[in-house]
Amino acid sequence: MRLVLEQELTTPEAARRLAISDKTLANWVFRARHGRLAGLGETRRPVTELEAEVSRLKRELAEARMERDILKKATAYFAKAQLPGTH
């Protein structure tokens, strides 16, 4: 937020530097400018152990899928290189 409010960067540039969504940063800047930043990120209820576990498993699954896709591409690349006449 300070990148936008104090250093006068554009919201898209600041979001890119912070590796977050433009919309998220724009929302934070809007709330800061209107004095409504307090309470941002507060949840209405605590996250249950089950919800935390589901979230962790979803992250693990996404990572495993990404690794699988990389391995598939690498396998195809090396298999193609092994074929006669493809040097």
N, C-alpha and C. Protein backbone atom coordinates (compact mmCIF):
# COMPACT_ATOMS: atom_id res chain seq x y z
N MET A 1 0.81 -1.18 0.00
CA MET A 1 0.00 0.00 0.00
C MET A 1 0.86 1.25 0.00
N ARG A 2 1.94 1.20 0.76
CA ARG A 2 2.81 2.37 0.82
C ARG A 2 3.44 2.69 -0.54
N LEU A 3 3.65 1.64 -1.34
CA LEU A 3 4.19 1.88 -2.67
C LEU A 3 3.26 2.78 -3.47
N VAL A 4 1.96 2.61 -3.28
CA VAL A 4 0.97 3.40 -4.01
C VAL A 4 0.74 4.74 -3.31
N LEU A 5 0.54 4.71 -2.01
CA LEU A 5 0.17 5.92 -1.28
C LEU A 5 1.34 6.87 -1.06
N GLU A 6 2.52 6.34 -0.76
CA GLU A 6 3.65 7.20 -0.43
C GLU A 6 4.64 7.35 -1.58
N GLN A 7 4.91 6.25 -2.29
CA GLN A 7 5.89 6.32 -3.36
C GLN A 7 5.25 6.60 -4.72
N GLU A 8 3.93 6.67 -4.73
CA GLU A 8 3.15 7.05 -5.91
C GLU A 8 3.35 6.14 -7.12
N LEU A 9 3.55 4.86 -6.87
CA LEU A 9 3.56 3.89 -7.97
C LEU A 9 2.11 3.62 -8.37
N THR A 10 1.93 3.15 -9.59
CA THR A 10 0.58 2.76 -9.99
C THR A 10 0.22 1.47 -9.26
N THR A 11 -1.06 1.23 -9.11
CA THR A 11 -1.50 0.01 -8.45
C THR A 11 -1.01 -1.24 -9.18
N PRO A 12 -1.12 -1.32 -10.51
CA PRO A 12 -0.62 -2.52 -11.19
C PRO A 12 0.88 -2.74 -10.99
N GLU A 13 1.67 -1.67 -11.01
CA GLU A 13 3.12 -1.80 -10.82
C GLU A 13 3.44 -2.26 -9.41
N ALA A 14 2.79 -1.66 -8.42
CA ALA A 14 3.02 -2.06 -7.03
C ALA A 14 2.59 -3.51 -6.81
N ALA A 15 1.45 -3.89 -7.37
CA ALA A 15 0.96 -5.27 -7.23
C ALA A 15 1.94 -6.25 -7.85
N ARG A 16 2.49 -5.90 -9.00
CA ARG A 16 3.48 -6.76 -9.66
C ARG A 16 4.71 -6.92 -8.79
N ARG A 17 5.19 -5.83 -8.22
CA ARG A 17 6.37 -5.89 -7.35
C ARG A 17 6.12 -6.74 -6.11
N LEU A 18 4.90 -6.70 -5.60
CA LEU A 18 4.54 -7.45 -4.40
C LEU A 18 4.04 -8.86 -4.71
N ALA A 19 3.88 -9.16 -5.99
CA ALA A 19 3.38 -10.47 -6.43
C ALA A 19 2.00 -10.77 -5.84
N ILE A 20 1.12 -9.76 -5.90
CA ILE A 20 -0.27 -9.96 -5.47
C ILE A 20 -1.19 -9.43 -6.56
N SER A 21 -2.46 -9.73 -6.43
CA SER A 21 -3.47 -9.31 -7.40
C SER A 21 -3.65 -7.79 -7.39
N ASP A 22 -3.83 -7.23 -8.60
CA ASP A 22 -4.12 -5.80 -8.72
C ASP A 22 -5.37 -5.44 -7.92
N LYS A 23 -6.38 -6.29 -8.02
CA LYS A 23 -7.66 -6.02 -7.36
C LYS A 23 -7.51 -6.02 -5.85
N THR A 24 -6.72 -6.95 -5.32
CA THR A 24 -6.50 -7.00 -3.88
C THR A 24 -5.85 -5.71 -3.40
N LEU A 25 -4.77 -5.31 -4.08
CA LEU A 25 -4.07 -4.09 -3.68
C LEU A 25 -4.98 -2.86 -3.84
N ALA A 26 -5.74 -2.80 -4.92
CA ALA A 26 -6.64 -1.67 -5.12
C ALA A 26 -7.66 -1.59 -3.98
N ASN A 27 -8.15 -2.74 -3.53
CA ASN A 27 -9.09 -2.77 -2.42
C ASN A 27 -8.43 -2.24 -1.15
N TRP A 28 -7.20 -2.66 -0.87
CA TRP A 28 -6.50 -2.21 0.32
C TRP A 28 -6.25 -0.70 0.26
N VAL A 29 -5.84 -0.20 -0.89
CA VAL A 29 -5.58 1.23 -1.04
C VAL A 29 -6.88 2.02 -0.85
N PHE A 30 -7.96 1.55 -1.44
CA PHE A 30 -9.26 2.21 -1.29
C PHE A 30 -9.64 2.28 0.19
N ARG A 31 -9.51 1.14 0.88
CA ARG A 31 -9.87 1.11 2.31
C ARG A 31 -8.97 2.02 3.13
N ALA A 32 -7.68 2.05 2.79
CA ALA A 32 -6.75 2.92 3.53
C ALA A 32 -7.12 4.39 3.33
N ARG A 33 -7.44 4.76 2.10
CA ARG A 33 -7.78 6.15 1.80
C ARG A 33 -9.08 6.58 2.47
N HIS A 34 -9.95 5.64 2.76
CA HIS A 34 -11.25 5.96 3.36
C HIS A 34 -11.30 5.58 4.84
N GLY A 35 -10.13 5.30 5.43
CA GLY A 35 -10.06 5.02 6.87
C GLY A 35 -10.74 3.73 7.29
N ARG A 36 -10.82 2.78 6.39
CA ARG A 36 -11.50 1.53 6.71
C ARG A 36 -10.56 0.34 6.63
N LEU A 37 -9.28 0.56 6.86
CA LEU A 37 -8.32 -0.53 6.77
C LEU A 37 -8.34 -1.39 8.02
N ALA A 38 -8.69 -0.83 9.16
CA ALA A 38 -8.77 -1.61 10.40
C ALA A 38 -9.80 -2.71 10.21
N GLY A 39 -9.46 -3.88 10.62
CA GLY A 39 -10.38 -5.01 10.47
C GLY A 39 -10.17 -5.79 9.20
N LEU A 40 -9.33 -5.29 8.31
CA LEU A 40 -9.05 -6.02 7.07
C LEU A 40 -8.33 -7.31 7.43
N GLY A 41 -8.80 -8.40 6.93
CA GLY A 41 -8.18 -9.69 7.19
C GLY A 41 -8.75 -10.40 8.40
N GLU A 42 -9.59 -9.72 9.15
CA GLU A 42 -10.22 -10.40 10.28
C GLU A 42 -11.30 -11.32 9.77
N THR A 43 -11.35 -12.49 10.33
CA THR A 43 -12.40 -13.43 9.93
C THR A 43 -13.55 -13.35 10.91
N ARG A 44 -14.69 -13.72 10.45
CA ARG A 44 -15.87 -13.68 11.31
C ARG A 44 -15.86 -14.82 12.33
N ARG A 45 -15.19 -15.91 11.98
CA ARG A 45 -15.10 -17.05 12.90
C ARG A 45 -13.75 -17.71 12.68
N PRO A 46 -13.27 -18.38 13.69
CA PRO A 46 -11.99 -19.07 13.53
C PRO A 46 -12.10 -20.22 12.53
N VAL A 47 -11.02 -20.50 11.87
CA VAL A 47 -10.97 -21.61 10.92
C VAL A 47 -10.86 -22.91 11.72
N THR A 48 -11.67 -23.88 11.35
CA THR A 48 -11.63 -25.16 12.06
C THR A 48 -10.41 -25.96 11.60
N GLU A 49 -10.05 -26.97 12.38
CA GLU A 49 -8.94 -27.85 12.01
C GLU A 49 -9.22 -28.53 10.68
N LEU A 50 -10.44 -28.93 10.46
CA LEU A 50 -10.82 -29.60 9.22
C LEU A 50 -10.64 -28.66 8.03
N GLU A 51 -11.07 -27.41 8.16
CA GLU A 51 -10.90 -26.44 7.07
C GLU A 51 -9.42 -26.18 6.78
N ALA A 52 -8.62 -26.10 7.83
CA ALA A 52 -7.19 -25.89 7.65
C ALA A 52 -6.56 -27.08 6.93
N GLU A 53 -6.98 -28.29 7.31
CA GLU A 53 -6.47 -29.50 6.67
C GLU A 53 -6.87 -29.56 5.20
N VAL A 54 -8.11 -29.22 4.90
CA VAL A 54 -8.58 -29.20 3.51
C VAL A 54 -7.75 -28.20 2.70
N SER A 55 -7.51 -27.04 3.26
CA SER A 55 -6.72 -26.03 2.56
C SER A 55 -5.29 -26.53 2.31
N ARG A 56 -4.68 -27.16 3.29
CA ARG A 56 -3.34 -27.70 3.15
C ARG A 56 -3.30 -28.78 2.07
N LEU A 57 -4.29 -29.66 2.08
CA LEU A 57 -4.34 -30.73 1.09
C LEU A 57 -4.56 -30.19 -0.32
N LYS A 58 -5.36 -29.15 -0.45
CA LYS A 58 -5.56 -28.54 -1.77
C LYS A 58 -4.25 -27.97 -2.30
N ARG A 59 -3.48 -27.30 -1.42
CA ARG A 59 -2.18 -26.76 -1.84
C ARG A 59 -1.24 -27.89 -2.27
N GLU A 60 -1.21 -28.97 -1.49
CA GLU A 60 -0.35 -30.12 -1.82
C GLU A 60 -0.76 -30.73 -3.16
N LEU A 61 -2.06 -30.87 -3.38
CA LEU A 61 -2.55 -31.44 -4.63
C LEU A 61 -2.16 -30.57 -5.82
N ALA A 62 -2.31 -29.27 -5.67
CA ALA A 62 -1.94 -28.36 -6.76
C ALA A 62 -0.45 -28.47 -7.06
N GLU A 63 0.36 -28.57 -6.02
CA GLU A 63 1.81 -28.72 -6.22
C GLU A 63 2.14 -30.05 -6.89
N ALA A 64 1.49 -31.13 -6.45
CA ALA A 64 1.73 -32.44 -7.05
C ALA A 64 1.33 -32.46 -8.53
N ARG A 65 0.21 -31.82 -8.85
CA ARG A 65 -0.22 -31.75 -10.25
C ARG A 65 0.78 -30.97 -11.10
N MET A 66 1.30 -29.88 -10.55
CA MET A 66 2.28 -29.09 -11.28
C MET A 66 3.54 -29.92 -11.52
N GLU A 67 4.00 -30.62 -10.49
CA GLU A 67 5.19 -31.46 -10.64
C GLU A 67 4.95 -32.55 -11.67
N ARG A 68 3.77 -33.16 -11.64
CA ARG A 68 3.43 -34.20 -12.60
C ARG A 68 3.48 -33.68 -14.03
N ASP A 69 2.90 -32.49 -14.23
CA ASP A 69 2.89 -31.90 -15.57
C ASP A 69 4.30 -31.60 -16.06
N ILE A 70 5.16 -31.13 -15.17
CA ILE A 70 6.55 -30.87 -15.54
C ILE A 70 7.24 -32.16 -15.93
N LEU A 71 7.03 -33.21 -15.15
CA LEU A 71 7.64 -34.50 -15.45
C LEU A 71 7.13 -35.08 -16.77
N LYS A 72 5.85 -34.90 -17.05
CA LYS A 72 5.30 -35.37 -18.33
C LYS A 72 5.98 -34.68 -19.50
N LYS A 73 6.14 -33.37 -19.39
CA LYS A 73 6.78 -32.61 -20.46
C LYS A 73 8.24 -33.00 -20.62
N ALA A 74 8.93 -33.20 -19.50
CA ALA A 74 10.34 -33.60 -19.56
C ALA A 74 10.48 -34.98 -20.18
N THR A 75 9.59 -35.89 -19.81
CA THR A 75 9.63 -37.25 -20.36
C THR A 75 9.40 -37.21 -21.87
N ALA A 76 8.42 -36.44 -22.31
CA ALA A 76 8.14 -36.33 -23.74
C ALA A 76 9.33 -35.72 -24.47
N TYR A 77 9.95 -34.71 -23.88
CA TYR A 77 11.10 -34.06 -24.50
C TYR A 77 12.25 -35.05 -24.67
N PHE A 78 12.58 -35.78 -23.61
CA PHE A 78 13.71 -36.71 -23.68
C PHE A 78 13.39 -37.93 -24.54
N ALA A 79 12.14 -38.36 -24.56
CA ALA A 79 11.75 -39.47 -25.42
C ALA A 79 11.90 -39.07 -26.88
N LYS A 80 11.53 -37.85 -27.20
CA LYS A 80 11.65 -37.35 -28.57
C LYS A 80 13.13 -37.28 -28.97
N ALA A 81 13.99 -36.88 -28.05
CA ALA A 81 15.43 -36.77 -28.32
C ALA A 81 16.06 -38.14 -28.54
N GLN A 82 15.46 -39.18 -28.00
CA GLN A 82 16.01 -40.53 -28.13
C GLN A 82 15.62 -41.21 -29.44
N LEU A 83 14.61 -40.69 -30.14
CA LEU A 83 14.17 -41.29 -31.38
C LEU A 83 15.24 -41.14 -32.45
N PRO A 84 15.47 -42.18 -33.27
CA PRO A 84 16.47 -42.06 -34.32
C PRO A 84 16.09 -40.98 -35.33
N GLY A 85 17.10 -40.22 -35.74
CA GLY A 85 16.87 -39.20 -36.76
C GLY A 85 16.31 -37.91 -36.23
N THR A 86 16.27 -37.72 -34.91
CA THR A 86 15.73 -36.47 -34.35
C THR A 86 16.82 -35.67 -33.66
N HIS A 87 18.05 -35.89 -33.98
CA HIS A 87 19.16 -35.20 -33.32
C HIS A 87 19.22 -33.78 -33.73
